[in-house]
Amino acid sequence: MKKFIFYILSFAAVSLIFACTSTKNLSSYSPDETIVFGNGGGFTGGVTTYFLTNDGRIFKTTSQQKDTLFLAKIKKKEAARLFSEYDRSGFSKLNFDHPGDRYSFIGKGFDSGLGRITWGNPDYTPPVEVTDFYQKLLLFIKNTKK
């Protein structure tokens, strides 16, 4: 019986150690290490924002719930590919700010104004490269919810 209790306590201690390992939170990333994307507007005016970090972590926040939640982690290789595609695309230099009642956005870093692409106004069509890249990012979000 004493051995059984010893094993249970040992297992609990090891589990606690692994549960307490530190994970990097969103505030520890520089703006260059984060692609920010999401959508908002509509009747409620709510905004959902996702953050993809350069090491593959995906975080989410909403205007209704200010806490930033860790959603999932994708492979670093996939994250590097997405960051490379973003940088090669020239999105940071693209001046496209045409939100509508409902809108989508993408940018790099936390600053919501600088280098952010916003679309949704039906009178302005965003470049197809922007919407295609945005859909790729949303696909990662969709696949993490399985």
C-alpha atoms as a PDB file:
ATOM      1  CA  MET A   1       0.000   0.000   0.000  1.00  0.00           C
ATOM      2  CA  LYS A   2       2.853   2.387   0.851  1.00  0.00           C
ATOM      3  CA  LYS A   3       4.428   1.697  -2.554  1.00  0.00           C
ATOM      4  CA  PHE A   4       1.135   2.489  -4.263  1.00  0.00           C
ATOM      5  CA  ILE A   5       0.837   5.836  -2.460  1.00  0.00           C
ATOM      6  CA  PHE A   6       4.496   6.574  -3.231  1.00  0.00           C
ATOM      7  CA  TYR A   7       3.892   5.952  -6.965  1.00  0.00           C
ATOM      8  CA  ILE A   8       0.762   8.089  -6.982  1.00  0.00           C
ATOM      9  CA  LEU A   9       2.547  10.969  -5.247  1.00  0.00           C
ATOM     10  CA  SER A  10       5.550  10.635  -7.564  1.00  0.00           C
ATOM     11  CA  PHE A  11       3.284  10.677 -10.600  1.00  0.00           C
ATOM     12  CA  ALA A  12       1.467  13.746  -9.264  1.00  0.00           C
ATOM     13  CA  ALA A  13       4.756  15.560  -8.613  1.00  0.00           C
ATOM     14  CA  VAL A  14       6.087  14.850 -12.120  1.00  0.00           C
ATOM     15  CA  SER A  15       2.761  15.904 -13.650  1.00  0.00           C
ATOM     16  CA  LEU A  16       2.850  19.137 -11.703  1.00  0.00           C
ATOM     17  CA  ILE A  17       6.383  19.894 -12.885  1.00  0.00           C
ATOM     18  CA  PHE A  18       5.408  19.408 -16.542  1.00  0.00           C
ATOM     19  CA  ALA A  19       2.216  21.414 -16.100  1.00  0.00           C
ATOM     20  CA  CYS A  20       4.168  24.356 -14.696  1.00  0.00           C
ATOM     21  CA  THR A  21       6.728  24.628 -17.473  1.00  0.00           C
ATOM     22  CA  SER A  22       6.713  28.174 -18.724  1.00  0.00           C
ATOM     23  CA  THR A  23       5.214  29.017 -22.069  1.00  0.00           C
ATOM     24  CA  LYS A  24       5.925  32.226 -23.866  1.00  0.00           C
ATOM     25  CA  ASN A  25       3.008  34.626 -23.703  1.00  0.00           C
ATOM     26  CA  LEU A  26       2.032  37.054 -26.432  1.00  0.00           C
ATOM     27  CA  SER A  27       3.541  40.129 -24.779  1.00  0.00           C
ATOM     28  CA  SER A  28       7.019  38.607 -24.970  1.00  0.00           C
ATOM     29  CA  TYR A  29       7.054  38.791 -28.804  1.00  0.00           C
ATOM     30  CA  SER A  30       8.237  41.828 -30.730  1.00  0.00           C
ATOM     31  CA  PRO A  31       5.914  43.275 -33.409  1.00  0.00           C
ATOM     32  CA  ASP A  32       8.104  41.789 -36.145  1.00  0.00           C
ATOM     33  CA  GLU A  33       7.498  38.320 -34.689  1.00  0.00           C
ATOM     34  CA  THR A  34       3.717  38.473 -35.016  1.00  0.00           C
ATOM     35  CA  ILE A  35       1.190  38.404 -37.851  1.00  0.00           C
ATOM     36  CA  VAL A  36      -2.128  39.853 -36.686  1.00  0.00           C
ATOM     37  CA  PHE A  37      -5.376  39.068 -38.508  1.00  0.00           C
ATOM     38  CA  GLY A  38      -9.073  38.906 -37.844  1.00  0.00           C
ATOM     39  CA  ASN A  39     -12.450  40.431 -38.503  1.00  0.00           C
ATOM     40  CA  GLY A  40     -15.079  42.622 -36.951  1.00  0.00           C
ATOM     41  CA  GLY A  41     -18.074  44.849 -37.335  1.00  0.00           C
ATOM     42  CA  GLY A  42     -21.637  43.926 -38.019  1.00  0.00           C
ATOM     43  CA  PHE A  43     -24.537  44.471 -35.654  1.00  0.00           C
ATOM     44  CA  THR A  44     -22.530  43.941 -32.458  1.00  0.00           C
ATOM     45  CA  GLY A  45     -19.372  45.699 -33.631  1.00  0.00           C
ATOM     46  CA  GLY A  46     -17.352  42.871 -32.081  1.00  0.00           C
ATOM     47  CA  VAL A  47     -13.802  42.217 -33.184  1.00  0.00           C
ATOM     48  CA  THR A  48     -11.955  38.889 -33.192  1.00  0.00           C
ATOM     49  CA  THR A  49      -8.180  39.101 -33.456  1.00  0.00           C
ATOM     50  CA  TYR A  50      -5.742  36.243 -34.010  1.00  0.00           C
ATOM     51  CA  PHE A  51      -1.995  36.425 -33.515  1.00  0.00           C
ATOM     52  CA  LEU A  52       0.420  34.037 -35.227  1.00  0.00           C
ATOM     53  CA  THR A  53       3.921  34.171 -33.764  1.00  0.00           C
ATOM     54  CA  ASN A  54       7.101  33.319 -35.613  1.00  0.00           C
ATOM     55  CA  ASP A  55       7.519  30.136 -33.560  1.00  0.00           C
ATOM     56  CA  GLY A  56       4.046  28.896 -34.513  1.00  0.00           C
ATOM     57  CA  ARG A  57       1.910  29.846 -31.519  1.00  0.00           C
ATOM     58  CA  ILE A  58      -1.606  31.055 -32.258  1.00  0.00           C
ATOM     59  CA  PHE A  59      -3.394  33.350 -29.819  1.00  0.00           C
ATOM     60  CA  LYS A  60      -6.895  34.823 -29.914  1.00  0.00           C
ATOM     61  CA  THR A  61      -8.637  37.782 -28.342  1.00  0.00           C
ATOM     62  CA  THR A  62     -12.072  39.320 -28.808  1.00  0.00           C
ATOM     63  CA  SER A  63     -13.490  42.735 -28.033  1.00  0.00           C
ATOM     64  CA  GLN A  64     -15.967  41.107 -25.632  1.00  0.00           C
ATOM     65  CA  GLN A  65     -13.292  39.151 -23.768  1.00  0.00           C
ATOM     66  CA  LYS A  66     -10.044  41.078 -23.462  1.00  0.00           C
ATOM     67  CA  ASP A  67      -7.995  38.114 -22.229  1.00  0.00           C
ATOM     68  CA  THR A  68      -5.608  36.718 -24.809  1.00  0.00           C
ATOM     69  CA  LEU A  69      -6.055  32.975 -25.120  1.00  0.00           C
ATOM     70  CA  PHE A  70      -3.506  30.508 -26.425  1.00  0.00           C
ATOM     71  CA  LEU A  71      -5.265  28.447 -29.116  1.00  0.00           C
ATOM     72  CA  ALA A  72      -2.691  26.119 -30.601  1.00  0.00           C
ATOM     73  CA  LYS A  73       0.803  25.700 -31.943  1.00  0.00           C
ATOM     74  CA  ILE A  74       1.665  24.921 -35.544  1.00  0.00           C
ATOM     75  CA  LYS A  75       5.026  23.654 -36.731  1.00  0.00           C
ATOM     76  CA  LYS A  76       7.798  26.258 -36.724  1.00  0.00           C
ATOM     77  CA  LYS A  77       8.505  25.354 -40.339  1.00  0.00           C
ATOM     78  CA  GLU A  78       4.908  26.236 -41.311  1.00  0.00           C
ATOM     79  CA  ALA A  79       5.073  29.499 -39.363  1.00  0.00           C
ATOM     80  CA  ALA A  80       8.377  30.383 -41.045  1.00  0.00           C
ATOM     81  CA  ARG A  81       6.824  29.703 -44.443  1.00  0.00           C
ATOM     82  CA  LEU A  82       3.861  31.979 -43.654  1.00  0.00           C
ATOM     83  CA  PHE A  83       6.116  34.775 -42.365  1.00  0.00           C
ATOM     84  CA  SER A  84       8.305  34.481 -45.446  1.00  0.00           C
ATOM     85  CA  GLU A  85       5.262  34.651 -47.723  1.00  0.00           C
ATOM     86  CA  TYR A  86       3.976  37.699 -45.851  1.00  0.00           C
ATOM     87  CA  ASP A  87       7.335  39.474 -46.146  1.00  0.00           C
ATOM     88  CA  ARG A  88       7.772  38.606 -49.842  1.00  0.00           C
ATOM     89  CA  SER A  89       4.245  39.786 -50.653  1.00  0.00           C
ATOM     90  CA  GLY A  90       4.954  43.403 -49.774  1.00  0.00           C
ATOM     91  CA  PHE A  91       1.840  43.611 -47.586  1.00  0.00           C
ATOM     92  CA  SER A  92       3.643  45.879 -45.119  1.00  0.00           C
ATOM     93  CA  LYS A  93       3.939  48.532 -47.818  1.00  0.00           C
ATOM     94  CA  LEU A  94       0.412  48.105 -49.176  1.00  0.00           C
ATOM     95  CA  ASN A  95      -1.874  51.037 -48.405  1.00  0.00           C
ATOM     96  CA  PHE A  96      -5.360  49.535 -48.351  1.00  0.00           C
ATOM     97  CA  ASP A  97      -7.758  50.730 -45.659  1.00  0.00           C
ATOM     98  CA  HIS A  98     -11.375  50.223 -46.742  1.00  0.00           C
ATOM     99  CA  PRO A  99     -13.411  48.705 -43.931  1.00  0.00           C
ATOM    100  CA  GLY A 100     -17.113  48.157 -44.384  1.00  0.00           C
ATOM    101  CA  ASP A 101     -19.880  47.359 -41.943  1.00  0.00           C
ATOM    102  CA  ARG A 102     -18.189  43.959 -41.603  1.00  0.00           C
ATOM    103  CA  TYR A 103     -14.480  43.939 -42.253  1.00  0.00           C
ATOM    104  CA  SER A 104     -11.347  41.801 -42.194  1.00  0.00           C
ATOM    105  CA  PHE A 105      -7.785  42.841 -41.498  1.00  0.00           C
ATOM    106  CA  ILE A 106      -4.230  41.598 -41.598  1.00  0.00           C
ATOM    107  CA  GLY A 107      -0.951  43.156 -40.563  1.00  0.00           C
ATOM    108  CA  LYS A 108       2.311  42.579 -38.811  1.00  0.00           C
ATOM    109  CA  GLY A 109       2.838  43.514 -35.206  1.00  0.00           C
ATOM    110  CA  PHE A 110       0.466  44.861 -32.603  1.00  0.00           C
ATOM    111  CA  ASP A 111      -0.039  48.403 -33.880  1.00  0.00           C
ATOM    112  CA  SER A 112      -3.472  48.390 -35.423  1.00  0.00           C
ATOM    113  CA  GLY A 113      -2.744  51.316 -37.736  1.00  0.00           C
ATOM    114  CA  LEU A 114       0.696  50.966 -39.207  1.00  0.00           C
ATOM    115  CA  GLY A 115       0.967  48.552 -42.109  1.00  0.00           C
ATOM    116  CA  ARG A 116      -2.458  47.059 -41.547  1.00  0.00           C
ATOM    117  CA  ILE A 117      -4.633  46.093 -44.502  1.00  0.00           C
ATOM    118  CA  THR A 118      -8.373  46.408 -43.894  1.00  0.00           C
ATOM    119  CA  TRP A 119     -11.147  45.481 -46.303  1.00  0.00           C
ATOM    120  CA  GLY A 120     -14.890  44.946 -46.332  1.00  0.00           C
ATOM    121  CA  ASN A 121     -16.276  47.946 -48.189  1.00  0.00           C
ATOM    122  CA  PRO A 122     -17.986  46.494 -51.284  1.00  0.00           C
ATOM    123  CA  ASP A 123     -16.843  49.494 -53.358  1.00  0.00           C
ATOM    124  CA  TYR A 124     -13.171  48.487 -52.945  1.00  0.00           C
ATOM    125  CA  THR A 125     -11.791  45.072 -53.796  1.00  0.00           C
ATOM    126  CA  PRO A 126      -8.623  44.045 -51.950  1.00  0.00           C
ATOM    127  CA  PRO A 127      -5.798  42.414 -53.903  1.00  0.00           C
ATOM    128  CA  VAL A 128      -6.426  38.693 -54.351  1.00  0.00           C
ATOM    129  CA  GLU A 129      -3.035  37.927 -52.744  1.00  0.00           C
ATOM    130  CA  VAL A 130      -4.288  39.516 -49.520  1.00  0.00           C
ATOM    131  CA  THR A 131      -7.535  37.558 -49.366  1.00  0.00           C
ATOM    132  CA  ASP A 132      -5.802  34.305 -50.371  1.00  0.00           C
ATOM    133  CA  PHE A 133      -3.211  34.720 -47.614  1.00  0.00           C
ATOM    134  CA  TYR A 134      -5.939  35.607 -45.119  1.00  0.00           C
ATOM    135  CA  GLN A 135      -7.815  32.420 -46.055  1.00  0.00           C
ATOM    136  CA  LYS A 136      -4.634  30.375 -45.500  1.00  0.00           C
ATOM    137  CA  LEU A 137      -4.329  31.810 -42.001  1.00  0.00           C
ATOM    138  CA  LEU A 138      -7.990  31.104 -41.242  1.00  0.00           C
ATOM    139  CA  LEU A 139      -7.499  27.527 -42.401  1.00  0.00           C
ATOM    140  CA  PHE A 140      -4.887  27.038 -39.657  1.00  0.00           C
ATOM    141  CA  ILE A 141      -7.405  28.370 -37.120  1.00  0.00           C
ATOM    142  CA  LYS A 142     -10.108  26.052 -38.439  1.00  0.00           C
ATOM    143  CA  ASN A 143      -7.773  23.050 -38.322  1.00  0.00           C
ATOM    144  CA  THR A 144      -6.767  23.750 -34.710  1.00  0.00           C
ATOM    145  CA  LYS A 145     -10.403  23.503 -33.598  1.00  0.00           C
ATOM    146  CA  LYS A 146     -10.703  19.808 -34.499  1.00  0.00           C
END
